[in-house]
Amino acid sequence: MSFVWNYFTEGLAIGVGFGAIGKTPSATFESARNLAIGIGIQNFPEGLAVSLPLRAFATGAMMYVVIDDIIPEAQVSGNGKLTSWTSILGFLVMMSLDVGLG
């Protein structure tokens, strides 16, 4: 909820900055533009700091859901061991490519 309030107030400040152009000598387009750019520059690393850990969590959650679905079905058909080992091998190949290619 804090992020929503933060973006609301920043958007309101930018809107007031652009809406006040010409009302006072200090309210110019350049000052409103600089305010918008400054808030945008501040929001970019903040957004990355919030979204990147969530992206790593989402990857792990997706892998869990897929493996949790595949392995029990493979057990029924008699291919549980093969499915488990190929899932582990696929994970190792994926992590090697991720680390190796950046």
Protein backbone atom coordinates (compact mmCIF):
# COMPACT_ATOMS: atom_id res chain seq x y z
CA MET A 1 0.00 0.00 0.00
CA SER A 2 2.92 2.31 0.68
CA PHE A 3 4.07 2.11 -2.95
CA VAL A 4 0.62 3.04 -4.22
CA TRP A 5 0.48 6.08 -1.96
CA ASN A 6 4.02 7.04 -2.95
CA TYR A 7 3.25 6.94 -6.69
CA PHE A 8 -0.03 8.78 -6.16
CA THR A 9 1.66 11.65 -4.34
CA GLU A 10 4.50 11.84 -6.86
CA GLY A 11 2.03 11.88 -9.74
CA LEU A 12 0.03 14.56 -7.97
CA ALA A 13 3.18 16.66 -7.52
CA ILE A 14 4.00 16.38 -11.22
CA GLY A 15 0.42 17.24 -12.16
CA VAL A 16 0.46 20.31 -9.92
CA GLY A 17 3.84 21.31 -11.34
CA PHE A 18 2.56 21.23 -14.91
CA GLY A 19 -0.80 22.73 -13.94
CA ALA A 20 0.85 25.71 -12.27
CA ILE A 21 2.83 26.76 -15.35
CA GLY A 22 2.42 30.50 -15.84
CA LYS A 23 0.65 31.13 -12.53
CA THR A 24 3.82 32.39 -10.83
CA PRO A 25 7.20 33.50 -12.17
CA SER A 26 8.90 30.36 -10.81
CA ALA A 27 6.31 27.97 -12.27
CA THR A 28 7.76 27.32 -15.70
CA PHE A 29 7.66 24.39 -18.07
CA GLU A 30 11.34 23.76 -17.40
CA SER A 31 10.85 23.47 -13.64
CA ALA A 32 7.88 21.10 -14.09
CA ARG A 33 9.85 19.03 -16.60
CA ASN A 34 12.84 18.85 -14.25
CA LEU A 35 10.57 17.74 -11.41
CA ALA A 36 9.13 14.95 -13.59
CA ILE A 37 12.60 13.83 -14.71
CA GLY A 38 13.91 13.88 -11.12
CA ILE A 39 11.03 11.77 -9.84
CA GLY A 40 11.44 9.39 -12.78
CA ILE A 41 15.16 8.98 -12.10
CA GLN A 42 14.41 8.23 -8.45
CA ASN A 43 11.65 5.72 -9.32
CA PHE A 44 13.75 3.65 -11.73
CA PRO A 45 16.17 2.09 -9.18
CA GLU A 46 13.37 1.83 -6.62
CA GLY A 47 11.28 -0.17 -9.08
CA LEU A 48 14.23 -2.44 -9.88
CA ALA A 49 14.93 -3.03 -6.19
CA VAL A 50 11.35 -4.17 -5.71
CA SER A 51 10.81 -6.14 -8.91
CA LEU A 52 14.07 -8.08 -9.30
CA PRO A 53 13.75 -10.15 -6.10
CA LEU A 54 10.12 -10.86 -6.97
CA ARG A 55 11.20 -12.06 -10.42
CA ALA A 56 13.66 -14.58 -8.80
CA PHE A 57 10.84 -15.75 -6.48
CA ALA A 58 8.44 -16.14 -9.41
CA THR A 59 10.94 -18.33 -11.25
CA GLY A 60 11.30 -20.67 -8.28
CA ALA A 61 7.55 -20.80 -7.75
CA MET A 62 6.98 -21.67 -11.42
CA MET A 63 9.60 -24.42 -11.28
CA TYR A 64 7.97 -25.85 -8.17
CA VAL A 65 4.52 -25.88 -9.78
CA VAL A 66 5.78 -27.57 -12.94
CA ILE A 67 7.83 -30.22 -11.12
CA ASP A 68 5.05 -30.78 -8.58
CA ASP A 69 2.73 -31.49 -11.50
CA ILE A 70 5.09 -33.59 -13.66
CA ILE A 71 6.68 -35.98 -11.15
CA PRO A 72 3.47 -37.42 -9.62
CA GLU A 73 2.03 -37.99 -13.10
CA ALA A 74 5.25 -39.70 -14.16
CA GLN A 75 5.09 -41.97 -11.09
CA VAL A 76 1.71 -43.25 -12.27
CA SER A 77 3.08 -44.17 -15.69
CA GLY A 78 6.24 -45.75 -14.24
CA ASN A 79 8.67 -43.05 -15.39
CA GLY A 80 9.12 -41.26 -12.06
CA LYS A 81 12.85 -41.84 -11.66
CA LEU A 82 13.60 -40.80 -15.25
CA THR A 83 11.46 -37.68 -14.89
CA SER A 84 13.13 -36.72 -11.62
CA TRP A 85 16.63 -37.08 -13.05
CA THR A 86 15.83 -35.22 -16.27
CA SER A 87 14.23 -32.41 -14.23
CA ILE A 88 17.42 -32.11 -12.18
CA LEU A 89 19.57 -32.25 -15.32
CA GLY A 90 17.43 -29.59 -17.01
CA PHE A 91 17.74 -27.36 -13.96
CA LEU A 92 21.54 -27.77 -13.94
CA VAL A 93 21.79 -26.98 -17.66
CA MET A 94 19.55 -23.94 -17.23
CA MET A 95 21.60 -22.62 -14.30
CA SER A 96 24.89 -23.26 -16.15
CA LEU A 97 23.64 -21.30 -19.16
CA ASP A 98 22.36 -18.51 -16.92
CA VAL A 99 25.68 -18.16 -15.11
CA GLY A 100 27.78 -18.70 -18.23
CA LEU A 101 25.88 -16.32 -20.53
CA GLY A 102 24.98 -13.76 -17.89
